[in-house]
Amino acid sequence: MASADSLSSFFSNSPTTEHVDAKIQSFQRRILQLQDGIRRLGEYKNTRLVVVSKLPHEVLSIIFEHLALGTPLVIPGYTWKQSNNVLPATQVCRLWRQVALDSPRIWSCVPSSAPLRLVELFLQRARSAPLCLRTNAYSRLTNMVILLDRLPQMKEIDLHAVHLIDPNWLKRITSEPSPLLETLALENSSPSSFTFSPGAFPALRHLSLKRYACKTSLAPLNSLHTLAIDCTYMSVPDLPSPIDFFTALNNFPHLSSLTLVNALAPPMAPTPSLTICLPSLTDLSIEDGDVRNIGLVTCITAPCLETIRLWTTEIQVDFESSIAVIVALYSNLPDLTHASSEFILSTRRSSSYARVRVWANHTEERRDSVTPFLDFKVIGPVGDLQIEESVLTLLPWTSVPPTLYFSSDVDSLAGNPFDLPRKRLLRQLTSVTEVHADRLIDLVLIMCDTPTAPGQTIMSLPSWSKMVLHDVFDINYKARILARLKKQMSARKALNAAIKTWQFNLRTTGAGSTSADVQQFEDLVDAVEIGSWQCHQFLL
């Protein structure tokens, strides 16, 4: 480039227009030469010196596939959500772009919310690779029609934009041959039936239906690895018979995960005996309003089972039948001697429930990081706590004493309808040594039958030695409750059943407990631990 002095010399010769234009062209040629040199230097750096550029093309292609099929990228200012993150990668350098263009699979997840020209570009670059159709709130109807015309090429269909689903689309998906389809996930805005033609999904591995009742036998889908059906809010006549449903699943060789949420009709009484073998099942989850449907778990033989989640949404059968189901469930569990467990008891005016979580072969310290082997929750009738009692007291004995999490909505110590049944239940939990609560009054409720007269020995949780207060809620009548609790703890100490450790997780604001409140109990416990407040979700 010319310096300022050389230009001054140029101007001193009074150049003509032709001379100036020639000089400008000379500079422009020089600029182009410099830009070409910069580009070549950049290419050399990117392709020879930068470590990531030394990756084999096959590895780059695999990375691009993860970008293409990963979490959707939201680009500010766009009215559509990009559901394929590979586009920015193609703009990094020439090598990356070429690798991307030579990898049809990374274009297989077509963004259904993108402009039509971009959808067509993805389909062109995907060539004959199996396609993935995923919808969102921005999906365009015109795109959906184009993509469904390629059903024989589809590997995954995920229709979760419920307002978009056209009945004709569902009819096409379930009737036209889809030889490559491995994943099918459907969610509807209103309850509907799911039926399919035999042989429609020969390669289907993952099926998820939400607000779709399966009215066709699942027997032809014996290649399934995971099955999830959620029929919440659907009427009973639309639901399949539990006997027929489980019989159709018998001997599914690859099924590893089964999730059912209100997906079955109430069983016909009496329930015939079944033997369902699922040799690969590892995760089982059933949530149902009828405890008898949950009891069908006892008919399943699953030697590889790792987690069981059984929740009732309500009790729809009599007490004796419910107890029989609970006994049968517990009798079919493996040996839990070396397991640890936690009990959750909620006694509320509107509803009450008991929940048991068991970690097989794991110590108490590892509970937070490991999924429980058994998660059993039953909502019982309000008032007598008999169902809750059976859930908590009939669980097989474990070597690690269970931890109890207790909650109520009592705001006064007088006129509590759960008083007597709660005492009856808590007196039977003789192995519990640790109790957690979010309200100070709940600790008083547990100890409300502590003996105060000579000769009386029956009390709630006789082995109780540590209590933890998470101090979530403000305390009404705090002075009265603290005085009552202090009296009860003194009575336990006199009976050689003292609370040895009291852990407070205090808040820094609000009308909760204070350090001064804690000091009142220092002569009643061996150790007082004060920690920071933390929100516990065990009762949700």
Protein backbone atom coordinates (compact mmCIF):
# COMPACT_ATOMS: atom_id res chain seq x y z
CA MET A 1 0.00 0.00 0.00
CA ALA A 2 1.19 3.53 -0.72
CA SER A 3 2.28 5.68 2.16
CA ALA A 4 1.03 9.25 2.78
CA ASP A 5 4.33 10.64 1.41
CA SER A 6 4.03 8.70 -1.84
CA LEU A 7 0.48 9.96 -2.32
CA SER A 8 1.67 13.52 -1.73
CA SER A 9 4.29 13.03 -4.43
CA PHE A 10 1.57 11.58 -6.68
CA PHE A 11 -0.67 14.59 -6.14
CA SER A 12 2.22 17.05 -6.72
CA ASN A 13 2.44 15.89 -10.34
CA SER A 14 -1.15 17.10 -10.96
CA PRO A 15 -2.55 13.67 -12.01
CA THR A 16 -5.41 13.49 -14.47
CA THR A 17 -8.67 11.59 -13.93
CA GLU A 18 -7.24 8.66 -15.83
CA HIS A 19 -4.18 8.62 -13.57
CA VAL A 20 -6.32 8.68 -10.37
CA ASP A 21 -8.56 5.87 -11.65
CA ALA A 22 -5.52 3.78 -12.47
CA LYS A 23 -4.11 4.39 -9.01
CA ILE A 24 -7.41 3.38 -7.40
CA GLN A 25 -7.50 0.16 -9.45
CA SER A 26 -3.93 -0.55 -8.40
CA PHE A 27 -4.91 -0.16 -4.74
CA GLN A 28 -8.02 -2.34 -5.21
CA ARG A 29 -5.91 -5.11 -6.79
CA ARG A 30 -3.56 -4.87 -3.86
CA ILE A 31 -6.48 -5.07 -1.40
CA LEU A 32 -7.76 -8.18 -3.14
CA GLN A 33 -4.29 -9.73 -2.98
CA LEU A 34 -4.08 -8.97 0.76
CA GLN A 35 -7.57 -10.33 1.38
CA ASP A 36 -6.69 -13.50 -0.52
CA GLY A 37 -3.54 -13.83 1.56
CA ILE A 38 -5.53 -13.38 4.78
CA ARG A 39 -8.01 -15.99 3.63
CA ARG A 40 -5.27 -18.47 2.77
CA LEU A 41 -3.54 -17.86 6.09
CA GLY A 42 -6.87 -18.39 7.87
CA GLU A 43 -7.49 -21.62 5.98
CA TYR A 44 -4.03 -22.88 6.84
CA LYS A 45 -4.57 -22.05 10.50
CA ASN A 46 -8.02 -23.64 10.61
CA THR A 47 -7.09 -26.81 8.69
CA ARG A 48 -3.52 -27.41 9.90
CA LEU A 49 -3.02 -25.76 13.30
CA VAL A 50 -6.37 -25.70 15.14
CA VAL A 51 -6.79 -29.01 17.00
CA VAL A 52 -10.49 -29.48 16.17
CA SER A 53 -9.69 -29.34 12.45
CA LYS A 54 -7.47 -32.40 12.79
CA LEU A 55 -10.49 -34.52 13.62
CA PRO A 56 -11.36 -37.14 11.02
CA HIS A 57 -14.31 -36.25 8.83
CA GLU A 58 -16.26 -39.17 10.28
CA VAL A 59 -15.89 -37.76 13.81
CA LEU A 60 -17.00 -34.30 12.67
CA SER A 61 -20.03 -35.88 11.04
CA ILE A 62 -20.97 -37.62 14.32
CA ILE A 63 -20.65 -34.30 16.18
CA PHE A 64 -22.90 -32.65 13.62
CA GLU A 65 -25.47 -35.40 14.12
CA HIS A 66 -25.59 -34.59 17.84
CA LEU A 67 -26.11 -30.93 16.94
CA ALA A 68 -28.86 -31.82 14.52
CA LEU A 69 -30.79 -34.07 16.92
CA GLY A 70 -30.09 -32.20 20.17
CA THR A 71 -31.96 -29.50 22.08
CA PRO A 72 -33.62 -26.97 19.74
CA LEU A 73 -31.84 -23.67 19.37
CA VAL A 74 -33.92 -20.51 19.86
CA ILE A 75 -32.74 -17.66 17.66
CA PRO A 76 -33.86 -14.18 18.87
CA GLY A 77 -35.81 -12.25 16.27
CA TYR A 78 -37.07 -15.30 14.39
CA THR A 79 -40.74 -16.24 14.43
CA TRP A 80 -39.82 -19.92 14.18
CA LYS A 81 -37.81 -22.10 16.48
CA GLN A 82 -34.92 -23.79 14.77
CA SER A 83 -35.15 -27.48 15.60
CA ASN A 84 -31.86 -28.34 13.91
CA ASN A 85 -28.69 -26.75 15.29
CA VAL A 86 -26.40 -27.77 12.44
CA LEU A 87 -26.86 -24.66 10.30
CA PRO A 88 -24.46 -22.45 12.32
CA ALA A 89 -21.83 -25.19 12.16
CA THR A 90 -21.87 -25.14 8.35
CA GLN A 91 -20.84 -21.47 8.40
CA VAL A 92 -17.66 -21.93 10.45
CA CYS A 93 -15.33 -22.90 7.60
CA ARG A 94 -15.25 -24.51 4.19
CA LEU A 95 -14.21 -27.90 5.57
CA TRP A 96 -17.06 -28.05 8.07
CA ARG A 97 -19.55 -27.03 5.42
CA GLN A 98 -18.36 -29.73 3.04
CA VAL A 99 -18.45 -32.40 5.76
CA ALA A 100 -22.01 -31.34 6.61
CA LEU A 101 -23.13 -31.42 2.99
CA ASP A 102 -21.64 -34.91 2.61
CA SER A 103 -23.60 -36.21 5.65
CA PRO A 104 -27.29 -36.68 4.72
CA ARG A 105 -28.24 -37.92 8.22
CA ILE A 106 -27.59 -34.53 9.84
CA TRP A 107 -30.30 -32.99 7.66
CA SER A 108 -32.82 -35.68 8.54
CA CYS A 109 -34.44 -33.76 11.44
CA VAL A 110 -36.45 -31.31 9.37
CA PRO A 111 -37.54 -28.11 11.19
CA SER A 112 -41.31 -28.17 10.73
CA SER A 113 -41.59 -24.54 11.86
CA ALA A 114 -39.07 -23.20 9.33
CA PRO A 115 -39.94 -21.38 6.10
CA LEU A 116 -40.90 -23.67 3.23
CA ARG A 117 -37.69 -23.01 1.28
CA LEU A 118 -35.61 -24.19 4.26
CA VAL A 119 -37.72 -27.34 4.69
CA GLU A 120 -37.18 -28.15 1.02
CA LEU A 121 -33.44 -27.51 1.43
CA PHE A 122 -33.25 -29.95 4.34
CA LEU A 123 -35.16 -32.62 2.42
CA GLN A 124 -32.89 -32.14 -0.59
CA ARG A 125 -29.74 -32.51 1.50
CA ALA A 126 -31.15 -35.45 3.51
CA ARG A 127 -31.58 -37.38 0.27
CA SER A 128 -32.67 -40.93 1.20
CA ALA A 129 -31.71 -40.78 4.90
CA PRO A 130 -34.46 -41.70 7.43
CA LEU A 131 -36.34 -38.56 8.52
CA CYS A 132 -37.45 -37.17 11.88
CA LEU A 133 -40.62 -35.10 12.24
CA ARG A 134 -40.87 -33.07 15.43
CA THR A 135 -43.50 -30.44 15.99
CA ASN A 136 -43.71 -27.42 18.25
CA ALA A 137 -46.04 -24.47 18.77
CA TYR A 138 -44.63 -22.80 15.65
CA SER A 139 -45.03 -25.71 13.23
CA ARG A 140 -46.58 -24.77 9.88
CA LEU A 141 -49.46 -26.70 8.37
CA THR A 142 -48.01 -26.57 4.87
CA ASN A 143 -44.80 -28.13 6.12
CA MET A 144 -46.70 -30.91 7.87
CA VAL A 145 -48.43 -31.93 4.64
CA ILE A 146 -45.09 -32.09 2.80
CA LEU A 147 -43.44 -34.13 5.53
CA LEU A 148 -46.28 -36.62 5.92
CA ASP A 149 -46.02 -37.34 2.20
CA ARG A 150 -42.70 -38.99 3.11
CA LEU A 151 -44.06 -41.47 5.67
CA PRO A 152 -42.14 -44.44 4.17
CA GLN A 153 -38.93 -42.48 4.90
CA MET A 154 -39.86 -41.48 8.48
CA LYS A 155 -37.79 -42.82 11.39
CA GLU A 156 -39.31 -40.63 14.14
CA ILE A 157 -42.66 -38.83 14.43
CA ASP A 158 -43.29 -36.63 17.45
CA LEU A 159 -46.57 -34.71 17.28
CA HIS A 160 -46.74 -32.68 20.48
CA ALA A 161 -48.23 -29.47 19.09
CA VAL A 162 -51.69 -30.70 20.05
CA HIS A 163 -53.58 -27.91 18.33
CA LEU A 164 -52.10 -28.96 14.99
CA ILE A 165 -53.03 -32.62 14.87
CA ASP A 166 -55.50 -33.31 12.12
CA PRO A 167 -57.50 -36.58 12.37
CA ASN A 168 -56.59 -37.29 8.77
CA TRP A 169 -52.90 -37.14 9.68
CA LEU A 170 -53.38 -39.70 12.44
CA LYS A 171 -55.30 -41.93 10.03
CA ARG A 172 -52.45 -41.76 7.54
CA ILE A 173 -49.77 -42.42 10.17
CA THR A 174 -51.56 -45.46 11.57
CA SER A 175 -52.67 -46.99 8.26
CA GLU A 176 -49.96 -46.31 5.69
CA PRO A 177 -46.84 -48.51 5.80
CA SER A 178 -43.98 -46.98 7.79
CA PRO A 179 -41.24 -49.61 7.54
CA LEU A 180 -38.52 -47.38 9.06
CA LEU A 181 -40.52 -45.81 11.89
CA GLU A 182 -38.83 -46.44 15.26
CA THR A 183 -40.31 -43.67 17.45
CA LEU A 184 -43.93 -42.52 17.55
CA ALA A 185 -45.10 -39.93 20.10
CA LEU A 186 -48.61 -38.49 19.89
CA GLU A 187 -50.33 -35.97 22.16
CA ASN A 188 -53.92 -34.91 21.59
CA SER A 189 -55.85 -31.94 22.94
CA SER A 190 -58.95 -34.06 23.51
CA PRO A 191 -59.38 -37.78 24.30
CA SER A 192 -59.31 -40.04 21.28
CA SER A 193 -58.74 -43.66 20.31
CA PHE A 194 -55.53 -45.02 18.85
CA THR A 195 -55.92 -47.87 16.40
CA PHE A 196 -53.48 -49.09 13.80
CA SER A 197 -53.35 -51.58 10.97
CA PRO A 198 -51.48 -54.85 11.57
CA GLY A 199 -47.97 -54.59 10.19
CA ALA A 200 -48.05 -50.78 10.06
CA PHE A 201 -45.02 -50.38 12.35
CA PRO A 202 -42.72 -53.39 11.91
CA ALA A 203 -39.68 -51.53 13.34
CA LEU A 204 -41.37 -49.47 16.07
CA ARG A 205 -39.28 -49.33 19.26
CA HIS A 206 -40.69 -46.38 21.21
CA LEU A 207 -44.40 -45.58 21.52
CA SER A 208 -45.78 -42.68 23.58
CA LEU A 209 -49.49 -41.80 23.63
CA LYS A 210 -51.02 -38.93 25.60
CA ARG A 211 -54.81 -38.67 25.68
CA TYR A 212 -55.01 -41.59 23.28
CA ALA A 213 -56.59 -44.85 24.45
CA CYS A 214 -55.09 -47.86 22.71
CA LYS A 215 -58.06 -49.75 21.28
CA THR A 216 -56.01 -52.15 19.18
CA SER A 217 -54.08 -55.06 20.64
CA LEU A 218 -50.43 -54.20 21.04
CA ALA A 219 -49.38 -57.78 20.27
CA PRO A 220 -48.11 -56.90 16.73
CA LEU A 221 -45.71 -54.35 18.25
CA ASN A 222 -43.44 -56.90 19.87
CA SER A 223 -40.36 -54.91 18.81
CA LEU A 224 -41.17 -52.20 21.39
CA HIS A 225 -38.45 -51.12 23.80
CA THR A 226 -40.42 -48.40 25.61
CA LEU A 227 -44.17 -47.89 25.99
CA ALA A 228 -45.84 -44.90 27.68
CA ILE A 229 -49.62 -44.30 27.68
CA ASP A 230 -51.32 -41.43 29.53
CA CYS A 231 -55.13 -41.47 29.38
CA THR A 232 -55.82 -38.91 32.11
CA TYR A 233 -59.32 -37.37 31.81
CA MET A 234 -60.54 -40.11 29.47
CA SER A 235 -63.82 -41.87 30.21
CA VAL A 236 -63.82 -45.50 31.34
CA PRO A 237 -65.64 -46.93 28.25
CA ASP A 238 -62.77 -45.74 26.05
CA LEU A 239 -60.11 -47.57 28.07
CA PRO A 240 -58.89 -51.11 27.33
CA SER A 241 -59.44 -54.04 29.66
CA PRO A 242 -56.41 -54.48 31.95
CA ILE A 243 -56.48 -58.26 31.43
CA ASP A 244 -56.47 -57.93 27.63
CA PHE A 245 -53.84 -55.19 27.77
CA PHE A 246 -51.31 -57.09 29.86
CA THR A 247 -51.98 -60.37 28.07
CA ALA A 248 -51.07 -58.69 24.78
CA LEU A 249 -47.73 -57.61 26.28
CA ASN A 250 -46.75 -61.10 27.37
CA ASN A 251 -43.28 -62.15 26.20
CA PHE A 252 -42.37 -58.84 24.59
CA PRO A 253 -38.65 -59.66 24.33
CA HIS A 254 -37.25 -56.11 24.18
CA LEU A 255 -39.64 -54.06 26.34
CA SER A 256 -37.47 -52.31 28.96
CA SER A 257 -39.70 -49.42 30.08
CA LEU A 258 -43.47 -49.44 30.70
CA THR A 259 -45.38 -46.34 31.89
CA LEU A 260 -49.16 -46.33 32.32
CA VAL A 261 -51.12 -43.32 33.64
CA ASN A 262 -54.85 -43.96 34.08
CA ALA A 263 -54.59 -46.10 30.96
CA LEU A 264 -56.75 -49.08 32.01
CA ALA A 265 -60.42 -49.68 32.69
CA PRO A 266 -61.41 -51.04 36.12
CA PRO A 267 -60.84 -54.82 36.18
CA MET A 268 -63.76 -57.20 36.11
CA ALA A 269 -64.24 -59.07 39.40
CA PRO A 270 -62.95 -61.59 40.15
CA THR A 271 -59.65 -60.99 38.37
CA PRO A 272 -58.37 -64.19 36.73
CA SER A 273 -54.83 -65.28 37.45
CA LEU A 274 -52.25 -64.09 34.94
CA THR A 275 -48.61 -64.82 34.26
CA ILE A 276 -46.99 -62.07 32.23
CA CYS A 277 -43.31 -62.47 31.35
CA LEU A 278 -41.30 -59.39 30.39
CA PRO A 279 -37.70 -60.61 30.34
CA SER A 280 -36.06 -57.23 29.53
CA LEU A 281 -38.22 -54.91 31.66
CA THR A 282 -36.10 -52.61 33.87
CA ASP A 283 -38.44 -49.67 34.63
CA LEU A 284 -42.13 -50.02 35.50
CA SER A 285 -44.45 -47.12 36.37
CA ILE A 286 -48.22 -47.37 36.88
CA GLU A 287 -50.46 -44.58 38.09
CA ASP A 288 -54.13 -45.45 38.38
CA GLY A 289 -57.28 -44.60 40.32
CA ASP A 290 -58.05 -48.26 40.93
CA VAL A 291 -55.58 -50.01 43.23
CA ARG A 292 -56.50 -53.36 41.65
CA ASN A 293 -54.90 -52.27 38.38
CA ILE A 294 -51.74 -51.49 40.28
CA GLY A 295 -52.00 -54.92 41.88
CA LEU A 296 -51.63 -56.53 38.44
CA VAL A 297 -47.91 -55.86 38.88
CA THR A 298 -47.84 -59.05 40.93
CA CYS A 299 -48.64 -61.00 37.75
CA ILE A 300 -45.52 -59.73 35.98
CA THR A 301 -42.31 -61.74 35.97
CA ALA A 302 -39.44 -59.35 35.25
CA PRO A 303 -36.01 -60.63 36.37
CA CYS A 304 -34.22 -57.43 35.24
CA LEU A 305 -36.50 -54.97 37.03
CA GLU A 306 -34.59 -52.03 38.56
CA THR A 307 -37.27 -49.43 39.42
CA ILE A 308 -40.97 -49.74 40.30
CA ARG A 309 -43.21 -46.68 40.63
CA LEU A 310 -46.80 -47.38 41.69
CA TRP A 311 -49.14 -44.50 42.54
CA THR A 312 -52.88 -44.44 43.15
CA THR A 313 -54.80 -41.27 42.39
CA GLU A 314 -57.68 -42.35 44.64
CA ILE A 315 -59.08 -45.43 46.32
CA GLN A 316 -62.08 -46.76 44.41
CA VAL A 317 -62.49 -50.16 46.09
CA ASP A 318 -63.22 -51.28 49.64
CA PHE A 319 -60.67 -51.35 52.44
CA GLU A 320 -60.27 -55.16 52.55
CA SER A 321 -59.58 -55.42 48.82
CA SER A 322 -57.05 -52.59 49.00
CA ILE A 323 -55.20 -54.23 51.89
CA ALA A 324 -55.09 -57.51 49.98
CA VAL A 325 -53.50 -55.77 47.00
CA ILE A 326 -50.90 -54.08 49.20
CA VAL A 327 -50.04 -57.38 50.91
CA ALA A 328 -49.67 -59.08 47.53
CA LEU A 329 -47.41 -56.31 46.25
CA TYR A 330 -45.11 -56.49 49.23
CA SER A 331 -44.98 -60.28 49.16
CA ASN A 332 -43.72 -60.19 45.57
CA LEU A 333 -40.84 -57.82 46.29
CA PRO A 334 -37.30 -59.21 46.35
CA ASP A 335 -35.34 -59.44 49.59
CA LEU A 336 -35.05 -55.88 50.97
CA THR A 337 -33.02 -56.74 54.07
CA HIS A 338 -30.06 -54.63 52.96
CA ALA A 339 -32.17 -51.73 51.69
CA SER A 340 -32.85 -48.29 53.11
CA SER A 341 -36.24 -46.61 53.02
CA GLU A 342 -38.21 -43.49 53.77
CA PHE A 343 -41.85 -43.19 54.77
CA ILE A 344 -44.00 -40.20 53.87
CA LEU A 345 -47.28 -39.60 55.66
CA SER A 346 -49.59 -36.71 54.84
CA THR A 347 -52.77 -36.27 56.88
CA ARG A 348 -54.88 -33.49 55.45
CA ARG A 349 -58.55 -32.65 55.67
CA SER A 350 -59.14 -32.88 51.92
CA SER A 351 -57.00 -35.95 51.26
CA SER A 352 -54.34 -38.06 52.87
CA TYR A 353 -51.72 -40.39 51.51
CA ALA A 354 -48.86 -42.66 52.44
CA ARG A 355 -45.76 -43.14 50.36
CA VAL A 356 -42.86 -45.55 50.67
CA ARG A 357 -39.56 -45.23 48.83
CA VAL A 358 -36.97 -47.99 49.03
CA TRP A 359 -33.38 -48.00 47.83
CA ALA A 360 -32.11 -51.54 47.41
CA ASN A 361 -28.48 -52.10 48.38
CA HIS A 362 -27.85 -48.38 48.87
CA THR A 363 -27.03 -46.55 52.06
CA GLU A 364 -29.00 -43.58 53.34
CA GLU A 365 -26.27 -41.18 52.24
CA ARG A 366 -26.77 -42.10 48.57
CA ARG A 367 -30.53 -41.64 48.43
CA ASP A 368 -30.45 -38.24 46.72
CA SER A 369 -28.32 -39.48 43.84
CA VAL A 370 -29.98 -42.84 43.16
CA THR A 371 -33.46 -43.60 41.82
CA PRO A 372 -35.39 -45.69 44.37
CA PHE A 373 -36.09 -49.30 43.52
CA LEU A 374 -39.66 -48.94 44.84
CA ASP A 375 -41.79 -45.80 44.93
CA PHE A 376 -45.26 -46.71 46.22
CA LYS A 377 -47.87 -44.01 46.93
CA VAL A 378 -51.48 -44.62 47.93
CA ILE A 379 -54.16 -42.00 48.54
CA GLY A 380 -56.50 -43.26 51.25
CA PRO A 381 -60.01 -42.28 52.34
CA VAL A 382 -60.09 -39.21 54.56
CA GLY A 383 -60.52 -40.00 58.21
CA ASP A 384 -59.38 -43.48 59.25
CA LEU A 385 -55.84 -43.80 57.78
CA GLN A 386 -56.27 -47.58 57.48
CA ILE A 387 -54.97 -47.71 53.91
CA GLU A 388 -52.03 -45.49 54.86
CA GLU A 389 -51.36 -47.67 57.87
CA SER A 390 -51.08 -50.81 55.74
CA VAL A 391 -48.74 -49.12 53.27
CA LEU A 392 -46.31 -48.02 55.99
CA THR A 393 -46.50 -50.87 58.48
CA LEU A 394 -46.60 -53.89 56.16
CA LEU A 395 -43.43 -53.05 54.24
CA PRO A 396 -40.85 -55.83 54.74
CA TRP A 397 -38.21 -55.14 57.36
CA THR A 398 -34.98 -53.43 56.23
CA SER A 399 -31.66 -53.25 58.05
CA VAL A 400 -31.56 -49.43 57.84
CA PRO A 401 -34.33 -47.81 59.94
CA PRO A 402 -36.75 -45.81 57.78
CA THR A 403 -36.92 -42.02 57.89
CA LEU A 404 -40.41 -40.55 58.35
CA TYR A 405 -41.52 -37.35 56.60
CA PHE A 406 -44.72 -36.07 58.20
CA SER A 407 -47.11 -33.32 57.12
CA SER A 408 -50.57 -32.09 58.09
CA ASP A 409 -52.70 -29.01 57.60
CA VAL A 410 -53.73 -28.79 61.27
CA ASP A 411 -53.68 -25.22 62.56
CA SER A 412 -54.98 -25.94 66.07
CA LEU A 413 -54.28 -28.68 68.59
CA ALA A 414 -58.00 -29.00 69.35
CA GLY A 415 -60.63 -30.71 67.20
CA ASN A 416 -58.24 -32.57 64.91
CA PRO A 417 -60.21 -35.37 63.16
CA PHE A 418 -57.01 -37.36 62.48
CA ASP A 419 -55.93 -37.42 66.12
CA LEU A 420 -56.88 -40.98 67.07
CA PRO A 421 -56.09 -42.75 63.77
CA ARG A 422 -52.77 -40.92 63.56
CA LYS A 423 -51.82 -42.09 67.06
CA ARG A 424 -52.76 -45.66 66.15
CA LEU A 425 -50.62 -45.56 63.02
CA LEU A 426 -47.57 -43.84 64.53
CA ARG A 427 -47.47 -46.21 67.51
CA GLN A 428 -46.86 -49.08 65.07
CA LEU A 429 -43.84 -47.45 63.42
CA THR A 430 -41.48 -48.79 66.04
CA SER A 431 -38.38 -48.80 63.83
CA VAL A 432 -38.43 -45.11 62.83
CA THR A 433 -35.55 -43.17 64.38
CA GLU A 434 -35.58 -39.95 62.32
CA VAL A 435 -38.49 -37.63 61.54
CA HIS A 436 -38.65 -34.64 59.19
CA ALA A 437 -41.33 -31.93 59.21
CA ASP A 438 -41.90 -28.56 57.61
CA ARG A 439 -44.05 -27.17 60.45
CA LEU A 440 -43.33 -26.94 64.16
CA ILE A 441 -46.89 -27.95 65.04
CA ASP A 442 -46.45 -31.26 63.18
CA LEU A 443 -43.74 -32.29 65.66
CA VAL A 444 -46.21 -31.61 68.47
CA LEU A 445 -48.89 -33.67 66.70
CA ILE A 446 -46.58 -36.68 66.50
CA MET A 447 -45.73 -36.50 70.21
CA CYS A 448 -49.25 -35.68 71.35
CA ASP A 449 -49.73 -39.07 73.07
CA THR A 450 -46.45 -39.07 74.98
CA PRO A 451 -47.19 -40.64 78.40
CA THR A 452 -47.17 -38.19 81.28
CA ALA A 453 -48.42 -40.44 84.10
CA PRO A 454 -46.61 -43.36 85.79
CA GLY A 455 -47.30 -46.76 84.26
CA GLN A 456 -48.12 -45.46 80.77
CA THR A 457 -45.70 -46.66 78.09
CA ILE A 458 -47.49 -46.48 74.71
CA MET A 459 -46.26 -43.57 72.64
CA SER A 460 -45.80 -42.58 69.02
CA LEU A 461 -42.51 -43.62 67.42
CA PRO A 462 -40.88 -45.12 70.54
CA SER A 463 -37.49 -45.37 68.75
CA TRP A 464 -37.51 -41.75 67.59
CA SER A 465 -34.12 -40.17 68.33
CA LYS A 466 -33.62 -37.37 65.77
CA MET A 467 -36.02 -34.76 64.46
CA VAL A 468 -35.43 -32.29 61.64
CA LEU A 469 -37.46 -29.11 61.23
CA HIS A 470 -37.16 -27.48 57.84
CA ASP A 471 -39.01 -24.35 58.99
CA VAL A 472 -40.87 -23.79 55.73
CA PHE A 473 -44.04 -22.19 57.10
CA ASP A 474 -44.65 -19.32 59.48
CA ILE A 475 -45.59 -20.37 63.02
CA ASN A 476 -48.92 -19.38 64.57
CA TYR A 477 -49.15 -19.35 68.37
CA LYS A 478 -45.41 -20.03 68.49
CA ALA A 479 -44.95 -19.57 72.25
CA ARG A 480 -47.79 -22.01 73.03
CA ILE A 481 -46.49 -24.63 70.58
CA LEU A 482 -42.92 -24.35 71.86
CA ALA A 483 -44.11 -24.77 75.45
CA ARG A 484 -46.16 -27.84 74.49
CA LEU A 485 -43.26 -29.36 72.61
CA LYS A 486 -40.87 -28.76 75.49
CA LYS A 487 -43.27 -30.51 77.86
CA GLN A 488 -43.60 -33.49 75.54
CA MET A 489 -39.85 -33.82 75.05
CA SER A 490 -39.33 -33.71 78.82
CA ALA A 491 -41.85 -36.53 79.22
CA ARG A 492 -40.05 -38.65 76.63
CA LYS A 493 -36.74 -38.04 78.36
CA ALA A 494 -38.22 -39.19 81.65
CA LEU A 495 -39.25 -42.45 79.98
CA ASN A 496 -35.76 -43.05 78.52
CA ALA A 497 -37.07 -42.27 75.01
CA ALA A 498 -35.49 -38.85 74.62
CA ILE A 499 -34.98 -37.05 71.33
CA LYS A 500 -31.18 -37.02 71.13
CA THR A 501 -30.64 -34.69 68.18
CA TRP A 502 -32.68 -31.74 66.95
CA GLN A 503 -31.69 -30.23 63.62
CA PHE A 504 -33.08 -26.81 62.75
CA ASN A 505 -32.89 -25.53 59.21
CA LEU A 506 -33.78 -21.91 59.97
CA ARG A 507 -34.93 -19.12 57.72
CA THR A 508 -33.32 -15.70 57.89
CA THR A 509 -36.64 -13.91 57.36
CA GLY A 510 -40.29 -14.44 58.26
CA ALA A 511 -42.02 -15.60 61.41
CA GLY A 512 -40.25 -18.95 61.68
CA SER A 513 -38.05 -20.35 64.43
CA THR A 514 -35.09 -18.40 65.80
CA SER A 515 -31.85 -19.29 67.55
CA ALA A 516 -33.42 -18.13 70.80
CA ASP A 517 -36.20 -20.69 70.34
CA VAL A 518 -33.61 -23.41 69.87
CA GLN A 519 -31.81 -22.55 73.07
CA GLN A 520 -34.89 -23.50 75.14
CA PHE A 521 -34.27 -27.16 74.28
CA GLU A 522 -30.53 -27.45 74.88
CA ASP A 523 -31.03 -29.25 78.19
CA LEU A 524 -33.45 -31.76 76.60
CA VAL A 525 -31.32 -32.99 73.69
CA ASP A 526 -27.74 -34.17 73.38
CA ALA A 527 -27.02 -32.23 70.19
CA VAL A 528 -28.60 -29.21 68.51
CA GLU A 529 -27.69 -28.65 64.87
CA ILE A 530 -28.56 -25.37 63.15
CA GLY A 531 -28.48 -25.19 59.38
CA SER A 532 -29.79 -22.92 56.66
CA TRP A 533 -33.35 -23.19 55.40
CA GLN A 534 -33.88 -25.37 52.36
CA CYS A 535 -37.02 -26.19 50.42
CA HIS A 536 -37.88 -29.89 50.61
CA GLN A 537 -40.18 -31.43 48.03
CA PHE A 538 -40.88 -34.73 49.77
CA LEU A 539 -44.57 -33.99 50.27
CA LEU A 540 -45.40 -32.80 46.78
